[in-house]
C-alpha atoms as a PDB file:
ATOM      1  CA  MET A   1      46.851  72.711  49.406  1.00  0.00           C
ATOM      2  CA  SER A   2      50.348  74.247  49.683  1.00  0.00           C
ATOM      3  CA  GLU A   3      52.108  74.852  52.988  1.00  0.00           C
ATOM      4  CA  HIS A   4      51.523  78.572  52.522  1.00  0.00           C
ATOM      5  CA  SER A   5      47.812  77.957  51.996  1.00  0.00           C
ATOM      6  CA  TYR A   6      47.636  75.817  55.139  1.00  0.00           C
ATOM      7  CA  LYS A   7      49.300  78.553  57.165  1.00  0.00           C
ATOM      8  CA  GLN A   8      46.928  81.184  55.758  1.00  0.00           C
ATOM      9  CA  TYR A   9      43.957  78.930  56.488  1.00  0.00           C
ATOM     10  CA  ASP A  10      45.075  78.499  60.112  1.00  0.00           C
ATOM     11  CA  ALA A  11      45.631  82.250  60.366  1.00  0.00           C
ATOM     12  CA  ASP A  12      42.118  82.907  59.028  1.00  0.00           C
ATOM     13  CA  LEU A  13      40.602  80.519  61.578  1.00  0.00           C
ATOM     14  CA  GLU A  14      42.558  82.119  64.400  1.00  0.00           C
ATOM     15  CA  ALA A  15      41.506  85.594  63.266  1.00  0.00           C
ATOM     16  CA  ILE A  16      37.859  84.541  63.458  1.00  0.00           C
ATOM     17  CA  ARG A  17      38.325  83.068  66.938  1.00  0.00           C
ATOM     18  CA  SER A  18      40.034  86.283  68.066  1.00  0.00           C
ATOM     19  CA  ARG A  19      37.165  88.416  66.770  1.00  0.00           C
ATOM     20  CA  VAL A  20      34.678  86.252  68.650  1.00  0.00           C
ATOM     21  CA  MET A  21      36.619  86.828  71.874  1.00  0.00           C
ATOM     22  CA  GLU A  22      36.736  90.560  71.126  1.00  0.00           C
ATOM     23  CA  MET A  23      32.969  90.580  70.664  1.00  0.00           C
ATOM     24  CA  GLY A  24      32.519  88.559  73.857  1.00  0.00           C
ATOM     25  CA  GLY A  25      34.656  91.033  75.816  1.00  0.00           C
ATOM     26  CA  LEU A  26      32.606  93.963  74.535  1.00  0.00           C
ATOM     27  CA  VAL A  27      29.332  92.247  75.389  1.00  0.00           C
ATOM     28  CA  GLU A  28      30.579  91.440  78.900  1.00  0.00           C
ATOM     29  CA  GLU A  29      31.489  95.109  79.358  1.00  0.00           C
ATOM     30  CA  GLN A  30      28.004  96.073  78.152  1.00  0.00           C
ATOM     31  CA  ILE A  31      26.421  93.942  80.869  1.00  0.00           C
ATOM     32  CA  HIS A  32      28.628  95.481  83.564  1.00  0.00           C
ATOM     33  CA  LEU A  33      27.791  99.016  82.407  1.00  0.00           C
ATOM     34  CA  ALA A  34      24.070  98.256  82.156  1.00  0.00           C
ATOM     35  CA  ILE A  35      23.938  96.950  85.730  1.00  0.00           C
ATOM     36  CA  GLU A  36      26.001  99.895  86.960  1.00  0.00           C
ATOM     37  CA  THR A  37      23.417 102.117  85.270  1.00  0.00           C
ATOM     38  CA  LEU A  38      20.681 100.347  87.216  1.00  0.00           C
ATOM     39  CA  LYS A  39      22.569 100.822  90.501  1.00  0.00           C
ATOM     40  CA  THR A  40      23.417 104.497  89.970  1.00  0.00           C
ATOM     41  CA  GLY A  41      20.699 105.794  87.660  1.00  0.00           C
ATOM     42  CA  SER A  42      23.404 107.364  85.471  1.00  0.00           C
ATOM     43  CA  GLU A  43      21.847 108.388  82.165  1.00  0.00           C
ATOM     44  CA  LYS A  44      25.335 109.009  80.784  1.00  0.00           C
ATOM     45  CA  LEU A  45      26.229 105.360  81.323  1.00  0.00           C
ATOM     46  CA  ALA A  46      22.888 104.283  79.874  1.00  0.00           C
ATOM     47  CA  ASP A  47      23.528 106.318  76.729  1.00  0.00           C
ATOM     48  CA  GLN A  48      27.002 104.760  76.459  1.00  0.00           C
ATOM     49  CA  VAL A  49      25.527 101.244  76.546  1.00  0.00           C
ATOM     50  CA  ILE A  50      22.912 102.173  73.944  1.00  0.00           C
ATOM     51  CA  ALA A  51      25.558 103.670  71.656  1.00  0.00           C
ATOM     52  CA  ASN A  52      27.929 100.704  72.075  1.00  0.00           C
ATOM     53  CA  ASP A  53      25.245  98.289  70.876  1.00  0.00           C
ATOM     54  CA  MET A  54      26.065  99.402  67.329  1.00  0.00           C
ATOM     55  CA  ARG A  55      29.636  98.152  67.840  1.00  0.00           C
ATOM     56  CA  VAL A  56      28.320  94.762  68.936  1.00  0.00           C
ATOM     57  CA  ASN A  57      26.096  94.566  65.869  1.00  0.00           C
ATOM     58  CA  ALA A  58      28.970  95.560  63.578  1.00  0.00           C
ATOM     59  CA  LEU A  59      31.193  92.827  65.004  1.00  0.00           C
ATOM     60  CA  GLU A  60      28.485  90.223  64.410  1.00  0.00           C
ATOM     61  CA  VAL A  61      28.179  91.265  60.762  1.00  0.00           C
ATOM     62  CA  ASN A  62      31.970  91.322  60.301  1.00  0.00           C
ATOM     63  CA  ILE A  63      32.525  87.870  61.837  1.00  0.00           C
ATOM     64  CA  ASP A  64      29.620  86.418  59.863  1.00  0.00           C
ATOM     65  CA  GLU A  65      31.182  87.729  56.641  1.00  0.00           C
ATOM     66  CA  LEU A  66      34.583  86.255  57.576  1.00  0.00           C
ATOM     67  CA  CYS A  67      32.966  82.855  58.172  1.00  0.00           C
ATOM     68  CA  THR A  68      31.071  82.991  54.877  1.00  0.00           C
ATOM     69  CA  MET A  69      34.213  83.875  52.932  1.00  0.00           C
ATOM     70  CA  LEU A  70      36.222  81.134  54.641  1.00  0.00           C
ATOM     71  CA  ILE A  71      33.599  78.502  53.811  1.00  0.00           C
ATOM     72  CA  ALA A  72      33.469  79.677  50.194  1.00  0.00           C
ATOM     73  CA  LYS A  73      37.262  79.757  49.759  1.00  0.00           C
ATOM     74  CA  ARG A  74      38.385  76.755  51.816  1.00  0.00           C
ATOM     75  CA  GLN A  75      35.365  74.429  52.009  1.00  0.00           C
ATOM     76  CA  PRO A  76      36.306  73.284  55.533  1.00  0.00           C
ATOM     77  CA  ALA A  77      35.252  69.849  56.730  1.00  0.00           C
ATOM     78  CA  ALA A  78      34.874  67.930  60.001  1.00  0.00           C
ATOM     79  CA  GLY A  79      36.202  69.796  63.054  1.00  0.00           C
ATOM     80  CA  ASP A  80      36.949  73.039  61.225  1.00  0.00           C
ATOM     81  CA  LEU A  81      33.422  73.181  59.823  1.00  0.00           C
ATOM     82  CA  ARG A  82      31.972  72.538  63.282  1.00  0.00           C
ATOM     83  CA  MET A  83      34.122  75.353  64.642  1.00  0.00           C
ATOM     84  CA  ILE A  84      32.830  77.790  62.027  1.00  0.00           C
ATOM     85  CA  MET A  85      29.226  76.717  62.629  1.00  0.00           C
ATOM     86  CA  THR A  86      29.807  77.191  66.365  1.00  0.00           C
ATOM     87  CA  VAL A  87      31.132  80.692  65.713  1.00  0.00           C
ATOM     88  CA  VAL A  88      28.079  81.643  63.639  1.00  0.00           C
ATOM     89  CA  LYS A  89      25.726  80.443  66.383  1.00  0.00           C
ATOM     90  CA  THR A  90      27.810  81.971  69.172  1.00  0.00           C
ATOM     91  CA  ILE A  91      27.908  85.461  67.661  1.00  0.00           C
ATOM     92  CA  THR A  92      24.133  85.339  67.261  1.00  0.00           C
ATOM     93  CA  ASP A  93      23.762  84.694  70.986  1.00  0.00           C
ATOM     94  CA  LEU A  94      26.369  87.345  71.800  1.00  0.00           C
ATOM     95  CA  GLU A  95      24.471  89.878  69.706  1.00  0.00           C
ATOM     96  CA  ARG A  96      21.279  89.008  71.563  1.00  0.00           C
ATOM     97  CA  ILE A  97      23.050  89.404  74.899  1.00  0.00           C
ATOM     98  CA  GLY A  98      24.156  92.833  73.681  1.00  0.00           C
ATOM     99  CA  ASP A  99      20.526  93.606  72.876  1.00  0.00           C
ATOM    100  CA  LYS A 100      19.528  92.642  76.425  1.00  0.00           C
ATOM    101  CA  ALA A 101      22.184  94.948  77.904  1.00  0.00           C
ATOM    102  CA  GLU A 102      20.933  97.779  75.693  1.00  0.00           C
ATOM    103  CA  LYS A 103      17.362  97.008  76.791  1.00  0.00           C
ATOM    104  CA  ILE A 104      18.380  97.160  80.469  1.00  0.00           C
ATOM    105  CA  ALA A 105      19.982 100.571  79.861  1.00  0.00           C
ATOM    106  CA  ARG A 106      16.878 101.928  78.109  1.00  0.00           C
ATOM    107  CA  LEU A 107      14.540 100.614  80.804  1.00  0.00           C
ATOM    108  CA  THR A 108      16.775 102.053  83.509  1.00  0.00           C
ATOM    109  CA  LYS A 109      16.424 105.494  81.949  1.00  0.00           C
ATOM    110  CA  GLN A 110      12.641 105.111  82.140  1.00  0.00           C
ATOM    111  CA  ILE A 111      12.784 103.916  85.755  1.00  0.00           C
ATOM    112  CA  ASN A 112      15.041 106.844  86.632  1.00  0.00           C
ATOM    113  CA  GLN A 113      12.707 109.348  84.988  1.00  0.00           C
ATOM    114  CA  GLN A 114       9.911 108.002  87.186  1.00  0.00           C
ATOM    115  CA  GLY A 115      12.054 108.647  90.265  1.00  0.00           C
ATOM    116  CA  MET A 116      12.216 104.999  91.269  1.00  0.00           C
ATOM    117  CA  ILE A 117      15.950 104.225  91.102  1.00  0.00           C
ATOM    118  CA  SER A 118      16.637 105.275  94.686  1.00  0.00           C
ATOM    119  CA  ARG A 119      13.760 103.084  95.930  1.00  0.00           C
ATOM    120  CA  LEU A 120      14.868  99.892  94.226  1.00  0.00           C
ATOM    121  CA  ARG A 121      16.387  97.054  96.208  1.00  0.00           C
ATOM    122  CA  THR A 122      18.756  95.782  93.548  1.00  0.00           C
ATOM    123  CA  GLY A 123      20.658  93.225  95.641  1.00  0.00           C
ATOM    124  CA  GLU A 124      19.101  90.120  94.111  1.00  0.00           C
ATOM    125  CA  ILE A 125      19.168  91.644  90.626  1.00  0.00           C
ATOM    126  CA  GLU A 126      22.874  92.385  91.067  1.00  0.00           C
ATOM    127  CA  ARG A 127      23.393  88.807  92.244  1.00  0.00           C
ATOM    128  CA  MET A 128      21.711  87.531  89.091  1.00  0.00           C
ATOM    129  CA  SER A 129      23.831  89.786  86.909  1.00  0.00           C
ATOM    130  CA  GLN A 130      27.030  88.636  88.612  1.00  0.00           C
ATOM    131  CA  ILE A 131      26.135  84.992  87.973  1.00  0.00           C
ATOM    132  CA  VAL A 132      25.273  85.516  84.296  1.00  0.00           C
ATOM    133  CA  VAL A 133      28.498  87.461  83.702  1.00  0.00           C
ATOM    134  CA  GLU A 134      30.458  84.576  85.242  1.00  0.00           C
ATOM    135  CA  MET A 135      28.513  82.120  83.065  1.00  0.00           C
ATOM    136  CA  LEU A 136      29.307  84.124  79.941  1.00  0.00           C
ATOM    137  CA  ARG A 137      32.976  84.416  80.885  1.00  0.00           C
ATOM    138  CA  GLU A 138      33.219  80.651  81.463  1.00  0.00           C
ATOM    139  CA  ALA A 139      31.411  79.892  78.193  1.00  0.00           C
ATOM    140  CA  LEU A 140      33.803  82.132  76.252  1.00  0.00           C
ATOM    141  CA  ASP A 141      36.786  80.636  78.076  1.00  0.00           C
ATOM    142  CA  SER A 142      35.514  77.180  77.089  1.00  0.00           C
ATOM    143  CA  PHE A 143      35.291  78.347  73.483  1.00  0.00           C
ATOM    144  CA  ALA A 144      38.819  79.768  73.548  1.00  0.00           C
ATOM    145  CA  ARG A 145      40.262  76.610  75.125  1.00  0.00           C
ATOM    146  CA  MET A 146      38.022  74.219  73.149  1.00  0.00           C
ATOM    147  CA  ASP A 147      37.060  72.704  76.502  1.00  0.00           C
ATOM    148  CA  ALA A 148      33.597  71.160  76.743  1.00  0.00           C
ATOM    149  CA  THR A 149      33.795  70.166  80.412  1.00  0.00           C
ATOM    150  CA  LYS A 150      32.316  73.374  81.847  1.00  0.00           C
ATOM    151  CA  ALA A 151      29.038  73.145  79.961  1.00  0.00           C
ATOM    152  CA  ALA A 152      27.167  71.208  82.649  1.00  0.00           C
ATOM    153  CA  ASP A 153      28.341  73.598  85.392  1.00  0.00           C
ATOM    154  CA  ILE A 154      27.115  76.558  83.337  1.00  0.00           C
ATOM    155  CA  ALA A 155      23.737  74.863  82.835  1.00  0.00           C
ATOM    156  CA  ARG A 156      23.451  74.284  86.588  1.00  0.00           C
ATOM    157  CA  ARG A 157      24.200  77.947  87.252  1.00  0.00           C
ATOM    158  CA  ASP A 158      21.423  78.821  84.806  1.00  0.00           C
ATOM    159  CA  ARG A 159      19.024  76.970  87.086  1.00  0.00           C
ATOM    160  CA  GLU A 160      20.243  79.142  89.963  1.00  0.00           C
ATOM    161  CA  VAL A 161      19.593  82.274  87.888  1.00  0.00           C
ATOM    162  CA  ASP A 162      16.064  81.046  87.133  1.00  0.00           C
ATOM    163  CA  GLU A 163      15.372  80.518  90.831  1.00  0.00           C
ATOM    164  CA  VAL A 164      16.608  83.991  91.795  1.00  0.00           C
ATOM    165  CA  CYS A 165      14.600  85.494  88.917  1.00  0.00           C
ATOM    166  CA  ASP A 166      11.406  83.806  90.102  1.00  0.00           C
ATOM    167  CA  GLY A 167      11.970  85.190  93.603  1.00  0.00           C
ATOM    168  CA  VAL A 168      12.520  88.743  92.329  1.00  0.00           C
ATOM    169  CA  LEU A 169       9.405  88.567  90.140  1.00  0.00           C
ATOM    170  CA  ARG A 170       7.271  87.372  93.053  1.00  0.00           C
ATOM    171  CA  GLN A 171       8.603  90.245  95.177  1.00  0.00           C
ATOM    172  CA  LEU A 172       7.832  92.777  92.447  1.00  0.00           C
ATOM    173  CA  ILE A 173       4.278  91.465  92.091  1.00  0.00           C
ATOM    174  CA  THR A 174       3.833  91.949  95.856  1.00  0.00           C
ATOM    175  CA  TYR A 175       5.092  95.538  95.565  1.00  0.00           C
ATOM    176  CA  MET A 176       2.641  96.257  92.746  1.00  0.00           C
ATOM    177  CA  MET A 177      -0.262  94.879  94.770  1.00  0.00           C
ATOM    178  CA  GLU A 178       0.752  97.005  97.746  1.00  0.00           C
ATOM    179  CA  ASP A 179       1.237 100.217  95.746  1.00  0.00           C
ATOM    180  CA  PRO A 180      -0.580 100.217  92.368  1.00  0.00           C
ATOM    181  CA  ARG A 181       0.633 103.781  91.666  1.00  0.00           C
ATOM    182  CA  ASN A 182       4.067 102.403  90.803  1.00  0.00           C
ATOM    183  CA  ILE A 183       2.961  99.520  88.592  1.00  0.00           C
ATOM    184  CA  THR A 184       4.551 101.020  85.468  1.00  0.00           C
ATOM    185  CA  ALA A 185       7.961 101.398  87.107  1.00  0.00           C
ATOM    186  CA  PHE A 186       7.834  97.943  88.678  1.00  0.00           C
ATOM    187  CA  LEU A 187       6.902  96.435  85.310  1.00  0.00           C
ATOM    188  CA  ASP A 188      10.056  98.019  83.884  1.00  0.00           C
ATOM    189  CA  VAL A 189      12.062  96.403  86.685  1.00  0.00           C
ATOM    190  CA  MET A 190      10.427  93.072  85.846  1.00  0.00           C
ATOM    191  CA  PHE A 191      11.525  93.470  82.227  1.00  0.00           C
ATOM    192  CA  VAL A 192      15.064  94.219  83.437  1.00  0.00           C
ATOM    193  CA  THR A 193      15.002  91.069  85.568  1.00  0.00           C
ATOM    194  CA  LYS A 194      13.791  88.934  82.661  1.00  0.00           C
ATOM    195  CA  ALA A 195      16.475  90.439  80.394  1.00  0.00           C
ATOM    196  CA  ILE A 196      19.184  89.346  82.844  1.00  0.00           C
ATOM    197  CA  GLU A 197      17.623  85.874  83.059  1.00  0.00           C
ATOM    198  CA  ARG A 198      17.719  85.609  79.246  1.00  0.00           C
ATOM    199  CA  ILE A 199      21.413  86.518  79.238  1.00  0.00           C
ATOM    200  CA  GLY A 200      21.960  83.378  81.321  1.00  0.00           C
ATOM    201  CA  ASP A 201      20.057  81.349  78.720  1.00  0.00           C
ATOM    202  CA  HIS A 202      22.261  82.704  75.922  1.00  0.00           C
ATOM    203  CA  ALA A 203      25.438  81.949  77.890  1.00  0.00           C
ATOM    204  CA  THR A 204      24.179  78.388  78.351  1.00  0.00           C
ATOM    205  CA  ASN A 205      23.542  78.142  74.608  1.00  0.00           C
ATOM    206  CA  ILE A 206      27.152  79.160  73.911  1.00  0.00           C
ATOM    207  CA  SER A 207      28.474  76.471  76.264  1.00  0.00           C
ATOM    208  CA  GLU A 208      26.334  73.873  74.461  1.00  0.00           C
ATOM    209  CA  TYR A 209      27.751  74.971  71.098  1.00  0.00           C
ATOM    210  CA  VAL A 210      31.225  74.330  72.505  1.00  0.00           C
ATOM    211  CA  VAL A 211      30.246  70.723  73.258  1.00  0.00           C
ATOM    212  CA  TYR A 212      29.117  70.395  69.639  1.00  0.00           C
ATOM    213  CA  MET A 213      32.373  71.931  68.394  1.00  0.00           C
ATOM    214  CA  VAL A 214      34.613  69.704  70.499  1.00  0.00           C
ATOM    215  CA  LYS A 215      32.631  66.452  70.719  1.00  0.00           C
ATOM    216  CA  GLY A 216      30.458  66.631  67.597  1.00  0.00           C
ATOM    217  CA  LYS A 217      27.333  66.104  69.713  1.00  0.00           C
ATOM    218  CA  ASP A 218      24.241  68.314  69.604  1.00  0.00           C
ATOM    219  CA  VAL A 219      23.268  68.690  73.270  1.00  0.00           C
ATOM    220  CA  ARG A 220      20.527  71.290  72.918  1.00  0.00           C
ATOM    221  CA  HIS A 221      17.280  70.473  74.744  1.00  0.00           C
ATOM    222  CA  THR A 222      18.925  67.758  76.866  1.00  0.00           C
ATOM    223  CA  THR A 223      19.087  67.387  80.642  1.00  0.00           C
ATOM    224  CA  VAL A 224      22.049  68.655  82.619  1.00  0.00           C
ATOM    225  CA  GLU A 225      22.989  65.044  83.355  1.00  0.00           C
ATOM    226  CA  ASP A 226      23.004  64.141  79.647  1.00  0.00           C
ATOM    227  CA  LEU A 227      24.977  67.288  78.903  1.00  0.00           C
ATOM    228  CA  GLU A 228      27.555  66.289  81.495  1.00  0.00           C
ATOM    229  CA  ARG A 229      27.921  62.799  80.003  1.00  0.00           C
ATOM    230  CA  GLN A 230      28.320  64.164  76.482  1.00  0.00           C
ATOM    231  CA  ALA A 231      30.871  66.722  77.636  1.00  0.00           C
ATOM    232  CA  ARG A 232      32.904  63.901  79.167  1.00  0.00           C
ATOM    233  CA  GLY A 233      32.605  61.946  75.925  1.00  0.00           C
ATOM    234  CA  GLU A 234      30.560  59.095  77.403  1.00  0.00           C
END
């Protein structure tokens, strides 16, 4: 391969990494807007999130095509191939996070139409959303820096999200038992809560892909302790 070809190859790889970060930034914004919609009941914001989901989907398709073309043209091996495989998996999780944000916006519109927004105590839900946004940001930062060391911390934060989610769901079940007239609205809030919890799962997945990219180790379905050891290269 000529020097020019090497430079073009590196430029192609960097372009793909940049598009992933662009997609990650858009998805993070989608989460923020979706939660703001839940807090305010703004249907305008909800419609914006729903409309922006098409941009997320388009970026996934575009990045996937770039990866396919690069594999076909350059036949990358070793670390470069792992990086491309990590990108393909990461954009799938980012697209699914975007879907969850869009789902939160749609459900919020339904909750608002039932006149329940003003009655919601969203403190714990907002806490969950703040944690998952931080998890996503750290996972994307790990991808950008090719740094596997944060994966275990992100997995531990996912446990925290699960605990908060369980508490919110128990509270919502109590509300439904106390006032069956609002079961439909509270079910929508439960679906919102579960959507936020799933965002944390997807952020954790992304951090695990980074370990694979950097260390060459598949750490899916392992304990946090094993993940930590693999991230350190032990």
